[in-house]
Amino acid sequence: MALDAQRRLDERRQRALTRYYLASGAGGVAVGVHTTQFAIRDVGLSRPVLELAAETIGQSEVADQPPFLRIAGVCGKTKQAVAEARLAADLGYHAGLLSLGAMAKASVPKLLEHARAVAEVLPVFGFYLQPAVGGRALPYDFWRRFCGIEGVVAIKAAPFNRYQTLDLLRGVADSGRAAEIALYTGNDDNIIGDLTGVWRFPGYPADLRFVGGLLGHWSVWTRRAWEHWKECRRVSLQGLPIPRALVQLGNEITDANAAFFDPHNGFHGCIAGLHEVLRRQGLLEGLWTLDPNEGLSRGQSAEIDRVYAAYPHLADDLFVAEHRDRWLS
């Protein structure tokens, strides 16, 4: 989310960000989630930000192309979550990315009841958010039963944990609805591995694959991310051996993600790190977030310098420079 120095919504730059993602080849955006900042709900910005994104997308969509996927973050306990889902549905969003952070102590039956209530209003995009940034551990049994909810259409796997990712995938396979649910990786520390991976479970006749990514990491260098996704999808669908160059690319992207997401400091600078890349490109004016205590960690700017120098082929600065003035107009 773009803010000015007074920490107010900068509508001009917010529109420019959406135009950047549209032009980069992204298939959609998620609005009102972690990198937008969950705190928009506390300062009355939820509706304005959702409206602005929907309006900008509507002005840019082309009639003969697939619709740009609009995902709205849905947070809070059931009453709040249902109200947020209704708002998103009214604004033309396709699904709600359901954060369970506010249900930290709820039982699995209560979580499922919560999800069903939201699914009655808006198709649900499941969300396994890592505990380090507000999520909770969710067992295999939850995912198997969660997938049985008819309104569940997709899941973002973002526990940053191989064991928990497997719990989710096994639950999807055993639910009987795997063919109806699109899987997206949110594991920013293993993007290429997830996009090229194949999961096979006893009793389920088909392979499970991630069809794309819903990733905070992809809010920067997005044009290159689109190119990486295309190559991963080609290799995955054709059943090709994973090229060594693609494995190396995965390692480079994970290294870059460490600079952006700041895991060595408990992810303190994960939003500011992404803002710093967008600021360097001229899409954002500064690093301001809704929480004045958020910012780059000590040494994080130097780490971003390092990955820029080490992996210039991952950056899309030239693409942004070519189009930035038009996006900002």
C-alpha atoms as a PDB file:
ATOM      1  CA  MET A   1       0.000   0.000   0.000  1.00  0.00           C
ATOM      2  CA  ALA A   2       1.227   3.463  -0.938  1.00  0.00           C
ATOM      3  CA  LEU A   3       1.212   6.093   1.816  1.00  0.00           C
ATOM      4  CA  ASP A   4       2.437   9.663   1.919  1.00  0.00           C
ATOM      5  CA  ALA A   5       4.679  11.199   4.592  1.00  0.00           C
ATOM      6  CA  GLN A   6       1.624  11.794   6.810  1.00  0.00           C
ATOM      7  CA  ARG A   7       0.776   8.068   6.507  1.00  0.00           C
ATOM      8  CA  ARG A   8      -2.317   8.808   4.449  1.00  0.00           C
ATOM      9  CA  LEU A   9      -3.333   6.787   1.403  1.00  0.00           C
ATOM     10  CA  ASP A  10      -1.510   8.048  -1.703  1.00  0.00           C
ATOM     11  CA  GLU A  11      -4.155   7.296  -4.323  1.00  0.00           C
ATOM     12  CA  ARG A  12      -1.969   8.244  -7.291  1.00  0.00           C
ATOM     13  CA  ARG A  13       0.794   5.845  -6.348  1.00  0.00           C
ATOM     14  CA  GLN A  14      -1.674   3.194  -5.219  1.00  0.00           C
ATOM     15  CA  ARG A  15      -3.201   3.223  -8.711  1.00  0.00           C
ATOM     16  CA  ALA A  16       0.296   3.081 -10.203  1.00  0.00           C
ATOM     17  CA  LEU A  17       1.080  -0.086  -8.227  1.00  0.00           C
ATOM     18  CA  THR A  18      -2.058  -1.807  -9.532  1.00  0.00           C
ATOM     19  CA  ARG A  19      -1.224  -0.732 -13.090  1.00  0.00           C
ATOM     20  CA  TYR A  20       2.286  -2.113 -12.621  1.00  0.00           C
ATOM     21  CA  TYR A  21       0.940  -5.537 -11.664  1.00  0.00           C
ATOM     22  CA  LEU A  22      -1.508  -5.528 -14.556  1.00  0.00           C
ATOM     23  CA  ALA A  23       1.213  -4.613 -17.043  1.00  0.00           C
ATOM     24  CA  SER A  24       3.708  -7.114 -15.597  1.00  0.00           C
ATOM     25  CA  GLY A  25       1.612 -10.134 -16.569  1.00  0.00           C
ATOM     26  CA  ALA A  26       0.216 -11.010 -13.148  1.00  0.00           C
ATOM     27  CA  GLY A  27      -3.054 -12.931 -13.280  1.00  0.00           C
ATOM     28  CA  GLY A  28      -4.525 -11.048 -10.331  1.00  0.00           C
ATOM     29  CA  VAL A  29      -3.924  -9.252  -7.060  1.00  0.00           C
ATOM     30  CA  ALA A  30      -4.746  -9.836  -3.419  1.00  0.00           C
ATOM     31  CA  VAL A  31      -5.814  -6.666  -1.619  1.00  0.00           C
ATOM     32  CA  GLY A  32      -6.152  -6.154   2.125  1.00  0.00           C
ATOM     33  CA  VAL A  33      -3.741  -8.909   3.126  1.00  0.00           C
ATOM     34  CA  HIS A  34      -0.258  -8.926   4.641  1.00  0.00           C
ATOM     35  CA  THR A  35       1.647  -6.713   2.199  1.00  0.00           C
ATOM     36  CA  THR A  36      -1.285  -4.299   1.951  1.00  0.00           C
ATOM     37  CA  GLN A  37      -1.141  -4.321   5.766  1.00  0.00           C
ATOM     38  CA  PHE A  38      -3.859  -5.926   7.856  1.00  0.00           C
ATOM     39  CA  ALA A  39      -4.027  -2.661   9.835  1.00  0.00           C
ATOM     40  CA  ILE A  40      -6.031  -0.937   7.079  1.00  0.00           C
ATOM     41  CA  ARG A  41      -9.092  -2.190   8.975  1.00  0.00           C
ATOM     42  CA  ASP A  42      -8.118  -0.226  12.073  1.00  0.00           C
ATOM     43  CA  VAL A  43      -7.801   3.120  10.281  1.00  0.00           C
ATOM     44  CA  GLY A  44     -10.853   3.051   8.024  1.00  0.00           C
ATOM     45  CA  LEU A  45      -8.961   2.270   4.813  1.00  0.00           C
ATOM     46  CA  SER A  46     -10.370  -1.165   4.008  1.00  0.00           C
ATOM     47  CA  ARG A  47     -13.191   0.035   1.738  1.00  0.00           C
ATOM     48  CA  PRO A  48     -11.195   2.849   0.045  1.00  0.00           C
ATOM     49  CA  VAL A  49      -8.269   0.553  -0.799  1.00  0.00           C
ATOM     50  CA  LEU A  50     -10.526  -2.235  -2.101  1.00  0.00           C
ATOM     51  CA  GLU A  51     -12.556   0.256  -4.129  1.00  0.00           C
ATOM     52  CA  LEU A  52      -9.473   1.877  -5.610  1.00  0.00           C
ATOM     53  CA  ALA A  53      -8.000  -1.437  -6.732  1.00  0.00           C
ATOM     54  CA  ALA A  54     -11.299  -2.629  -8.228  1.00  0.00           C
ATOM     55  CA  GLU A  55     -11.797   0.654 -10.073  1.00  0.00           C
ATOM     56  CA  THR A  56      -8.251   0.688 -11.474  1.00  0.00           C
ATOM     57  CA  ILE A  57      -8.531  -2.916 -12.625  1.00  0.00           C
ATOM     58  CA  GLY A  58     -11.900  -2.215 -14.246  1.00  0.00           C
ATOM     59  CA  GLN A  59     -10.412   0.669 -16.229  1.00  0.00           C
ATOM     60  CA  SER A  60      -7.555  -1.503 -17.501  1.00  0.00           C
ATOM     61  CA  GLU A  61      -9.151  -4.847 -18.335  1.00  0.00           C
ATOM     62  CA  VAL A  62      -9.389  -5.864 -21.979  1.00  0.00           C
ATOM     63  CA  ALA A  63     -12.591  -7.508 -23.190  1.00  0.00           C
ATOM     64  CA  ASP A  64     -11.033 -10.482 -25.021  1.00  0.00           C
ATOM     65  CA  GLN A  65      -8.616 -11.424 -22.211  1.00  0.00           C
ATOM     66  CA  PRO A  66      -9.293 -13.530 -19.092  1.00  0.00           C
ATOM     67  CA  PRO A  67     -10.547 -11.472 -16.142  1.00  0.00           C
ATOM     68  CA  PHE A  68      -7.909 -10.189 -13.758  1.00  0.00           C
ATOM     69  CA  LEU A  69      -8.404 -12.156 -10.557  1.00  0.00           C
ATOM     70  CA  ARG A  70      -9.476  -9.964  -7.629  1.00  0.00           C
ATOM     71  CA  ILE A  71      -8.868 -11.443  -4.187  1.00  0.00           C
ATOM     72  CA  ALA A  72      -9.849  -9.553  -1.044  1.00  0.00           C
ATOM     73  CA  GLY A  73      -8.412 -10.247   2.365  1.00  0.00           C
ATOM     74  CA  VAL A  74     -11.033 -11.431   4.862  1.00  0.00           C
ATOM     75  CA  CYS A  75     -10.013 -11.145   8.522  1.00  0.00           C
ATOM     76  CA  GLY A  76     -11.373 -11.141  12.038  1.00  0.00           C
ATOM     77  CA  LYS A  77     -13.857 -13.288  13.893  1.00  0.00           C
ATOM     78  CA  THR A  78     -16.976 -14.526  12.153  1.00  0.00           C
ATOM     79  CA  LYS A  79     -19.118 -11.375  12.303  1.00  0.00           C
ATOM     80  CA  GLN A  80     -16.310  -9.184  10.993  1.00  0.00           C
ATOM     81  CA  ALA A  81     -15.202 -11.747   8.399  1.00  0.00           C
ATOM     82  CA  VAL A  82     -18.713 -12.125   6.978  1.00  0.00           C
ATOM     83  CA  ALA A  83     -19.076  -8.325   6.772  1.00  0.00           C
ATOM     84  CA  GLU A  84     -15.730  -8.055   4.958  1.00  0.00           C
ATOM     85  CA  ALA A  85     -16.776 -10.825   2.568  1.00  0.00           C
ATOM     86  CA  ARG A  86     -20.018  -8.978   1.792  1.00  0.00           C
ATOM     87  CA  LEU A  87     -18.103  -5.778   1.059  1.00  0.00           C
ATOM     88  CA  ALA A  88     -15.739  -7.635  -1.266  1.00  0.00           C
ATOM     89  CA  ALA A  89     -18.632  -9.328  -3.060  1.00  0.00           C
ATOM     90  CA  ASP A  90     -20.376  -5.975  -3.510  1.00  0.00           C
ATOM     91  CA  LEU A  91     -17.193  -4.524  -5.044  1.00  0.00           C
ATOM     92  CA  GLY A  92     -16.853  -7.366  -7.553  1.00  0.00           C
ATOM     93  CA  TYR A  93     -14.073  -9.388  -5.953  1.00  0.00           C
ATOM     94  CA  HIS A  94     -13.934 -13.034  -7.004  1.00  0.00           C
ATOM     95  CA  ALA A  95     -12.893 -14.626  -3.702  1.00  0.00           C
ATOM     96  CA  GLY A  96     -11.818 -13.867  -0.155  1.00  0.00           C
ATOM     97  CA  LEU A  97      -8.416 -14.871   1.207  1.00  0.00           C
ATOM     98  CA  LEU A  98      -9.486 -16.109   4.631  1.00  0.00           C
ATOM     99  CA  SER A  99      -7.040 -15.267   7.411  1.00  0.00           C
ATOM    100  CA  LEU A 100      -7.579 -17.246  10.612  1.00  0.00           C
ATOM    101  CA  GLY A 101      -5.234 -15.118  12.698  1.00  0.00           C
ATOM    102  CA  ALA A 102      -8.075 -13.836  14.892  1.00  0.00           C
ATOM    103  CA  MET A 103      -9.146 -17.426  15.637  1.00  0.00           C
ATOM    104  CA  ALA A 104      -5.898 -18.433  17.307  1.00  0.00           C
ATOM    105  CA  LYS A 105      -7.560 -20.454  20.082  1.00  0.00           C
ATOM    106  CA  ALA A 106     -10.577 -21.781  18.185  1.00  0.00           C
ATOM    107  CA  SER A 107     -11.071 -25.529  17.769  1.00  0.00           C
ATOM    108  CA  VAL A 108     -11.078 -27.158  14.341  1.00  0.00           C
ATOM    109  CA  PRO A 109     -14.918 -27.445  14.349  1.00  0.00           C
ATOM    110  CA  LYS A 110     -15.175 -23.723  15.167  1.00  0.00           C
ATOM    111  CA  LEU A 111     -12.744 -22.844  12.375  1.00  0.00           C
ATOM    112  CA  LEU A 112     -14.786 -24.882   9.912  1.00  0.00           C
ATOM    113  CA  GLU A 113     -18.012 -23.232  11.052  1.00  0.00           C
ATOM    114  CA  HIS A 114     -16.332 -19.853  10.556  1.00  0.00           C
ATOM    115  CA  ALA A 115     -15.208 -20.773   7.031  1.00  0.00           C
ATOM    116  CA  ARG A 116     -18.682 -22.034   6.082  1.00  0.00           C
ATOM    117  CA  ALA A 117     -20.239 -18.751   7.173  1.00  0.00           C
ATOM    118  CA  VAL A 118     -17.870 -16.782   4.937  1.00  0.00           C
ATOM    119  CA  ALA A 119     -18.310 -19.219   2.029  1.00  0.00           C
ATOM    120  CA  GLU A 120     -22.048 -18.520   2.034  1.00  0.00           C
ATOM    121  CA  VAL A 121     -21.248 -14.922   1.059  1.00  0.00           C
ATOM    122  CA  LEU A 122     -18.111 -15.163  -1.115  1.00  0.00           C
ATOM    123  CA  PRO A 123     -16.002 -17.997  -2.571  1.00  0.00           C
ATOM    124  CA  VAL A 124     -13.213 -18.793  -0.113  1.00  0.00           C
ATOM    125  CA  PHE A 125      -9.476 -18.811  -0.810  1.00  0.00           C
ATOM    126  CA  GLY A 126      -7.911 -20.759   2.067  1.00  0.00           C
ATOM    127  CA  PHE A 127      -4.810 -19.312   3.680  1.00  0.00           C
ATOM    128  CA  TYR A 128      -2.157 -21.188   5.672  1.00  0.00           C
ATOM    129  CA  LEU A 129      -0.280 -18.206   7.119  1.00  0.00           C
ATOM    130  CA  GLN A 130       2.937 -18.851   9.034  1.00  0.00           C
ATOM    131  CA  PRO A 131       2.748 -18.223  12.791  1.00  0.00           C
ATOM    132  CA  ALA A 132       5.709 -15.784  12.659  1.00  0.00           C
ATOM    133  CA  VAL A 133       3.494 -13.135  11.026  1.00  0.00           C
ATOM    134  CA  GLY A 134       0.169 -13.834  12.705  1.00  0.00           C
ATOM    135  CA  GLY A 135      -0.957 -17.268  11.519  1.00  0.00           C
ATOM    136  CA  ARG A 136      -1.405 -20.518  13.438  1.00  0.00           C
ATOM    137  CA  ALA A 137      -0.516 -24.166  12.929  1.00  0.00           C
ATOM    138  CA  LEU A 138      -3.325 -26.063  11.186  1.00  0.00           C
ATOM    139  CA  PRO A 139      -3.413 -29.883  11.175  1.00  0.00           C
ATOM    140  CA  TYR A 140      -4.062 -32.301   8.325  1.00  0.00           C
ATOM    141  CA  ASP A 141      -7.580 -32.980   9.603  1.00  0.00           C
ATOM    142  CA  PHE A 142      -8.492 -29.319   9.336  1.00  0.00           C
ATOM    143  CA  TRP A 143      -7.424 -29.122   5.694  1.00  0.00           C
ATOM    144  CA  ARG A 144      -9.205 -32.347   4.734  1.00  0.00           C
ATOM    145  CA  ARG A 145     -12.475 -31.108   6.222  1.00  0.00           C
ATOM    146  CA  PHE A 146     -11.949 -27.506   5.073  1.00  0.00           C
ATOM    147  CA  CYS A 147     -11.716 -28.687   1.461  1.00  0.00           C
ATOM    148  CA  GLY A 148     -15.102 -30.375   1.886  1.00  0.00           C
ATOM    149  CA  ILE A 149     -16.744 -26.931   2.093  1.00  0.00           C
ATOM    150  CA  GLU A 150     -18.324 -26.358  -1.301  1.00  0.00           C
ATOM    151  CA  GLY A 151     -17.440 -22.664  -1.408  1.00  0.00           C
ATOM    152  CA  VAL A 152     -13.695 -23.302  -1.052  1.00  0.00           C
ATOM    153  CA  VAL A 153     -12.178 -22.705  -4.487  1.00  0.00           C
ATOM    154  CA  ALA A 154      -8.449 -22.219  -3.805  1.00  0.00           C
ATOM    155  CA  ILE A 155      -5.793 -22.400  -1.090  1.00  0.00           C
ATOM    156  CA  LYS A 156      -2.615 -20.420  -0.486  1.00  0.00           C
ATOM    157  CA  ALA A 157       0.046 -22.520   1.260  1.00  0.00           C
ATOM    158  CA  ALA A 158       2.279 -20.151   3.219  1.00  0.00           C
ATOM    159  CA  PRO A 159       3.489 -21.845   6.409  1.00  0.00           C
ATOM    160  CA  PHE A 160       7.164 -21.561   5.312  1.00  0.00           C
ATOM    161  CA  ASN A 161       7.465 -25.145   6.533  1.00  0.00           C
ATOM    162  CA  ARG A 162       7.769 -28.335   4.465  1.00  0.00           C
ATOM    163  CA  TYR A 163       6.008 -30.529   7.017  1.00  0.00           C
ATOM    164  CA  GLN A 164       3.023 -28.214   7.321  1.00  0.00           C
ATOM    165  CA  THR A 165       2.850 -27.755   3.551  1.00  0.00           C
ATOM    166  CA  LEU A 166       2.627 -31.542   3.243  1.00  0.00           C
ATOM    167  CA  ASP A 167      -0.163 -31.658   5.851  1.00  0.00           C
ATOM    168  CA  LEU A 168      -2.119 -29.219   3.699  1.00  0.00           C
ATOM    169  CA  LEU A 169      -1.479 -31.041   0.418  1.00  0.00           C
ATOM    170  CA  ARG A 170      -2.349 -34.428   1.902  1.00  0.00           C
ATOM    171  CA  GLY A 171      -5.566 -32.965   3.289  1.00  0.00           C
ATOM    172  CA  VAL A 172      -6.471 -31.627  -0.155  1.00  0.00           C
ATOM    173  CA  ALA A 173      -5.779 -34.997  -1.780  1.00  0.00           C
ATOM    174  CA  ASP A 174      -7.886 -36.886   0.779  1.00  0.00           C
ATOM    175  CA  SER A 175     -10.801 -34.445   0.678  1.00  0.00           C
ATOM    176  CA  GLY A 176     -12.279 -35.731  -2.572  1.00  0.00           C
ATOM    177  CA  ARG A 177     -12.324 -32.197  -3.993  1.00  0.00           C
ATOM    178  CA  ALA A 178      -8.724 -31.756  -5.125  1.00  0.00           C
ATOM    179  CA  ALA A 179      -9.761 -31.364  -8.768  1.00  0.00           C
ATOM    180  CA  GLU A 180     -11.981 -28.405  -7.803  1.00  0.00           C
ATOM    181  CA  ILE A 181      -9.451 -26.475  -5.703  1.00  0.00           C
ATOM    182  CA  ALA A 182      -6.601 -24.396  -7.165  1.00  0.00           C
ATOM    183  CA  LEU A 183      -3.367 -24.534  -5.173  1.00  0.00           C
ATOM    184  CA  TYR A 184      -1.136 -21.476  -4.865  1.00  0.00           C
ATOM    185  CA  THR A 185       2.202 -21.305  -3.142  1.00  0.00           C
ATOM    186  CA  GLY A 186       2.747 -18.591  -0.578  1.00  0.00           C
ATOM    187  CA  ASN A 187       6.037 -20.102   0.573  1.00  0.00           C
ATOM    188  CA  ASP A 188       8.258 -17.195  -0.432  1.00  0.00           C
ATOM    189  CA  ASP A 189      11.307 -19.148   0.758  1.00  0.00           C
ATOM    190  CA  ASN A 190      10.737 -21.975  -1.763  1.00  0.00           C
ATOM    191  CA  ILE A 191       8.957 -20.451  -4.759  1.00  0.00           C
ATOM    192  CA  ILE A 192      10.573 -22.361  -7.614  1.00  0.00           C
ATOM    193  CA  GLY A 193      10.552 -25.638  -5.680  1.00  0.00           C
ATOM    194  CA  ASP A 194       6.808 -25.383  -5.114  1.00  0.00           C
ATOM    195  CA  LEU A 195       6.000 -24.305  -8.682  1.00  0.00           C
ATOM    196  CA  THR A 196       7.961 -27.178 -10.223  1.00  0.00           C
ATOM    197  CA  GLY A 197       7.047 -29.798  -7.610  1.00  0.00           C
ATOM    198  CA  VAL A 198       4.703 -32.754  -7.990  1.00  0.00           C
ATOM    199  CA  TRP A 199       2.957 -34.419  -5.038  1.00  0.00           C
ATOM    200  CA  ARG A 200       1.490 -37.909  -5.237  1.00  0.00           C
ATOM    201  CA  PHE A 201      -0.464 -39.517  -2.402  1.00  0.00           C
ATOM    202  CA  PRO A 202      -1.804 -43.079  -2.007  1.00  0.00           C
ATOM    203  CA  GLY A 203      -5.492 -43.275  -2.816  1.00  0.00           C
ATOM    204  CA  TYR A 204      -5.557 -40.117  -4.946  1.00  0.00           C
ATOM    205  CA  PRO A 205      -5.175 -40.947  -8.650  1.00  0.00           C
ATOM    206  CA  ALA A 206      -3.718 -37.632  -9.890  1.00  0.00           C
ATOM    207  CA  ASP A 207      -0.697 -35.515  -9.118  1.00  0.00           C
ATOM    208  CA  LEU A 208      -1.078 -32.335  -7.114  1.00  0.00           C
ATOM    209  CA  ARG A 209       0.645 -29.201  -8.404  1.00  0.00           C
ATOM    210  CA  PHE A 210       0.705 -25.548  -7.498  1.00  0.00           C
ATOM    211  CA  VAL A 211      -0.843 -23.596 -10.367  1.00  0.00           C
ATOM    212  CA  GLY A 212       0.684 -20.281  -9.339  1.00  0.00           C
ATOM    213  CA  GLY A 213       1.870 -18.114  -6.518  1.00  0.00           C
ATOM    214  CA  LEU A 214       0.185 -15.612  -4.262  1.00  0.00           C
ATOM    215  CA  LEU A 215       3.336 -14.176  -2.817  1.00  0.00           C
ATOM    216  CA  GLY A 216       4.438 -11.020  -1.063  1.00  0.00           C
ATOM    217  CA  HIS A 217       7.764 -11.514  -2.835  1.00  0.00           C
ATOM    218  CA  TRP A 218       5.997 -11.113  -6.173  1.00  0.00           C
ATOM    219  CA  SER A 219       4.872  -7.589  -5.246  1.00  0.00           C
ATOM    220  CA  VAL A 220       8.355  -6.561  -6.466  1.00  0.00           C
ATOM    221  CA  TRP A 221      10.273  -7.520  -9.600  1.00  0.00           C
ATOM    222  CA  THR A 222       6.885  -8.718 -10.829  1.00  0.00           C
ATOM    223  CA  ARG A 223       7.675  -8.732 -14.546  1.00  0.00           C
ATOM    224  CA  ARG A 224      10.493 -11.200 -13.910  1.00  0.00           C
ATOM    225  CA  ALA A 225       8.251 -13.218 -11.593  1.00  0.00           C
ATOM    226  CA  TRP A 226       5.772 -13.650 -14.447  1.00  0.00           C
ATOM    227  CA  GLU A 227       8.569 -14.968 -16.672  1.00  0.00           C
ATOM    228  CA  HIS A 228       9.720 -17.365 -13.946  1.00  0.00           C
ATOM    229  CA  TRP A 229       6.156 -18.628 -13.442  1.00  0.00           C
ATOM    230  CA  LYS A 230       5.758 -19.325 -17.168  1.00  0.00           C
ATOM    231  CA  GLU A 231       8.936 -21.424 -17.257  1.00  0.00           C
ATOM    232  CA  CYS A 232       8.006 -23.340 -14.100  1.00  0.00           C
ATOM    233  CA  ARG A 233       4.532 -24.029 -15.471  1.00  0.00           C
ATOM    234  CA  ARG A 234       5.972 -25.303 -18.752  1.00  0.00           C
ATOM    235  CA  VAL A 235       8.348 -27.684 -16.996  1.00  0.00           C
ATOM    236  CA  SER A 236       5.656 -28.899 -14.603  1.00  0.00           C
ATOM    237  CA  LEU A 237       2.903 -29.520 -17.154  1.00  0.00           C
ATOM    238  CA  GLN A 238       5.216 -31.241 -19.634  1.00  0.00           C
ATOM    239  CA  GLY A 239       6.650 -33.501 -16.948  1.00  0.00           C
ATOM    240  CA  LEU A 240      10.184 -32.443 -17.820  1.00  0.00           C
ATOM    241  CA  PRO A 241      13.209 -32.949 -15.602  1.00  0.00           C
ATOM    242  CA  ILE A 242      13.841 -29.757 -13.655  1.00  0.00           C
ATOM    243  CA  PRO A 243      16.816 -28.004 -15.320  1.00  0.00           C
ATOM    244  CA  ARG A 244      19.786 -27.226 -13.103  1.00  0.00           C
ATOM    245  CA  ALA A 245      19.479 -23.586 -14.133  1.00  0.00           C
ATOM    246  CA  LEU A 246      15.953 -23.497 -12.712  1.00  0.00           C
ATOM    247  CA  VAL A 247      17.134 -25.040  -9.450  1.00  0.00           C
ATOM    248  CA  GLN A 248      19.834 -22.369  -9.241  1.00  0.00           C
ATOM    249  CA  LEU A 249      17.248 -19.698 -10.011  1.00  0.00           C
ATOM    250  CA  GLY A 250      15.236 -20.959  -7.051  1.00  0.00           C
ATOM    251  CA  ASN A 251      18.256 -20.572  -4.778  1.00  0.00           C
ATOM    252  CA  GLU A 252      18.868 -17.035  -6.032  1.00  0.00           C
ATOM    253  CA  ILE A 253      15.234 -16.049  -5.500  1.00  0.00           C
ATOM    254  CA  THR A 254      15.302 -17.425  -1.948  1.00  0.00           C
ATOM    255  CA  ASP A 255      18.468 -15.426  -1.249  1.00  0.00           C
ATOM    256  CA  ALA A 256      16.783 -12.276  -2.579  1.00  0.00           C
ATOM    257  CA  ASN A 257      13.718 -13.046  -0.490  1.00  0.00           C
ATOM    258  CA  ALA A 258      15.844 -13.166   2.646  1.00  0.00           C
ATOM    259  CA  ALA A 259      16.956  -9.601   1.948  1.00  0.00           C
ATOM    260  CA  PHE A 260      13.398  -8.421   1.313  1.00  0.00           C
ATOM    261  CA  PHE A 261      11.586 -10.372   4.056  1.00  0.00           C
ATOM    262  CA  ASP A 262      14.172  -9.997   6.835  1.00  0.00           C
ATOM    263  CA  PRO A 263      13.760 -13.502   8.382  1.00  0.00           C
ATOM    264  CA  HIS A 264      16.942 -13.094  10.437  1.00  0.00           C
ATOM    265  CA  ASN A 265      15.143 -10.401  12.433  1.00  0.00           C
ATOM    266  CA  GLY A 266      11.846 -12.235  12.828  1.00  0.00           C
ATOM    267  CA  PHE A 267      10.469 -10.697   9.588  1.00  0.00           C
ATOM    268  CA  HIS A 268      10.406  -7.247  11.213  1.00  0.00           C
ATOM    269  CA  GLY A 269      11.325  -5.536   7.931  1.00  0.00           C
ATOM    270  CA  CYS A 270       9.321  -7.703   5.547  1.00  0.00           C
ATOM    271  CA  ILE A 271       6.932  -4.942   4.417  1.00  0.00           C
ATOM    272  CA  ALA A 272       9.542  -2.185   4.501  1.00  0.00           C
ATOM    273  CA  GLY A 273      11.927  -4.361   2.465  1.00  0.00           C
ATOM    274  CA  LEU A 274       9.404  -4.667  -0.334  1.00  0.00           C
ATOM    275  CA  HIS A 275       8.643  -0.952  -0.086  1.00  0.00           C
ATOM    276  CA  GLU A 276      12.350  -0.214  -0.419  1.00  0.00           C
ATOM    277  CA  VAL A 277      12.516  -1.983  -3.785  1.00  0.00           C
ATOM    278  CA  LEU A 278       9.432  -0.115  -5.019  1.00  0.00           C
ATOM    279  CA  ARG A 279      10.882   3.157  -3.692  1.00  0.00           C
ATOM    280  CA  ARG A 280      14.136   2.608  -5.567  1.00  0.00           C
ATOM    281  CA  GLN A 281      12.112   2.048  -8.713  1.00  0.00           C
ATOM    282  CA  GLY A 282      10.148   5.273  -8.191  1.00  0.00           C
ATOM    283  CA  LEU A 283       6.780   3.628  -7.678  1.00  0.00           C
ATOM    284  CA  LEU A 284       6.651   4.591  -3.988  1.00  0.00           C
ATOM    285  CA  GLU A 285       7.806   7.878  -2.532  1.00  0.00           C
ATOM    286  CA  GLY A 286       8.929   6.464   0.817  1.00  0.00           C
ATOM    287  CA  LEU A 287       8.871   3.514   3.208  1.00  0.00           C
ATOM    288  CA  TRP A 288       5.963   4.710   5.342  1.00  0.00           C
ATOM    289  CA  THR A 289       3.674   2.059   6.788  1.00  0.00           C
ATOM    290  CA  LEU A 290       0.609   2.353   8.982  1.00  0.00           C
ATOM    291  CA  ASP A 291       2.665   1.248  11.974  1.00  0.00           C
ATOM    292  CA  PRO A 292       5.341   3.890  12.651  1.00  0.00           C
ATOM    293  CA  ASN A 293       7.433   1.216  14.398  1.00  0.00           C
ATOM    294  CA  GLU A 294       7.829  -0.769  11.177  1.00  0.00           C
ATOM    295  CA  GLY A 295      10.835  -0.100   8.992  1.00  0.00           C
ATOM    296  CA  LEU A 296      14.013  -1.595   7.636  1.00  0.00           C
ATOM    297  CA  SER A 297      16.116  -3.562  10.075  1.00  0.00           C
ATOM    298  CA  ARG A 298      19.736  -2.613  10.645  1.00  0.00           C
ATOM    299  CA  GLY A 299      21.756  -3.774   7.658  1.00  0.00           C
ATOM    300  CA  GLN A 300      18.695  -4.640   5.562  1.00  0.00           C
ATOM    301  CA  SER A 301      19.282  -1.896   2.987  1.00  0.00           C
ATOM    302  CA  ALA A 302      22.812  -3.211   2.477  1.00  0.00           C
ATOM    303  CA  GLU A 303      21.410  -6.721   1.990  1.00  0.00           C
ATOM    304  CA  ILE A 304      19.074  -5.386  -0.708  1.00  0.00           C
ATOM    305  CA  ASP A 305      22.104  -3.708  -2.323  1.00  0.00           C
ATOM    306  CA  ARG A 306      23.859  -7.090  -2.246  1.00  0.00           C
ATOM    307  CA  VAL A 307      21.113  -9.062  -3.985  1.00  0.00           C
ATOM    308  CA  TYR A 308      20.649  -6.320  -6.579  1.00  0.00           C
ATOM    309  CA  ALA A 309      24.345  -6.614  -7.415  1.00  0.00           C
ATOM    310  CA  ALA A 310      24.434 -10.412  -7.245  1.00  0.00           C
ATOM    311  CA  TYR A 311      21.309 -11.109  -9.301  1.00  0.00           C
ATOM    312  CA  PRO A 312      20.642  -8.247 -11.733  1.00  0.00           C
ATOM    313  CA  HIS A 313      18.664 -10.647 -13.942  1.00  0.00           C
ATOM    314  CA  LEU A 314      15.988 -10.935 -11.225  1.00  0.00           C
ATOM    315  CA  ALA A 315      15.186  -7.208 -11.243  1.00  0.00           C
ATOM    316  CA  ASP A 316      12.717  -5.500 -13.574  1.00  0.00           C
ATOM    317  CA  ASP A 317      13.912  -1.923 -13.029  1.00  0.00           C
ATOM    318  CA  LEU A 318      14.243  -1.190 -16.765  1.00  0.00           C
ATOM    319  CA  PHE A 319      10.682  -2.358 -17.400  1.00  0.00           C
ATOM    320  CA  VAL A 320       9.408  -0.143 -14.587  1.00  0.00           C
ATOM    321  CA  ALA A 321      11.429   2.859 -15.783  1.00  0.00           C
ATOM    322  CA  GLU A 322       9.977   2.505 -19.279  1.00  0.00           C
ATOM    323  CA  HIS A 323       6.355   2.644 -18.087  1.00  0.00           C
ATOM    324  CA  ARG A 324       6.421   4.354 -14.672  1.00  0.00           C
ATOM    325  CA  ASP A 325       5.410   7.860 -15.778  1.00  0.00           C
ATOM    326  CA  ARG A 326       2.358   6.516 -17.591  1.00  0.00           C
ATOM    327  CA  TRP A 327       1.309   4.437 -14.561  1.00  0.00           C
ATOM    328  CA  LEU A 328       1.691   7.506 -12.346  1.00  0.00           C
ATOM    329  CA  SER A 329      -0.285   9.803 -14.633  1.00  0.00           C
END
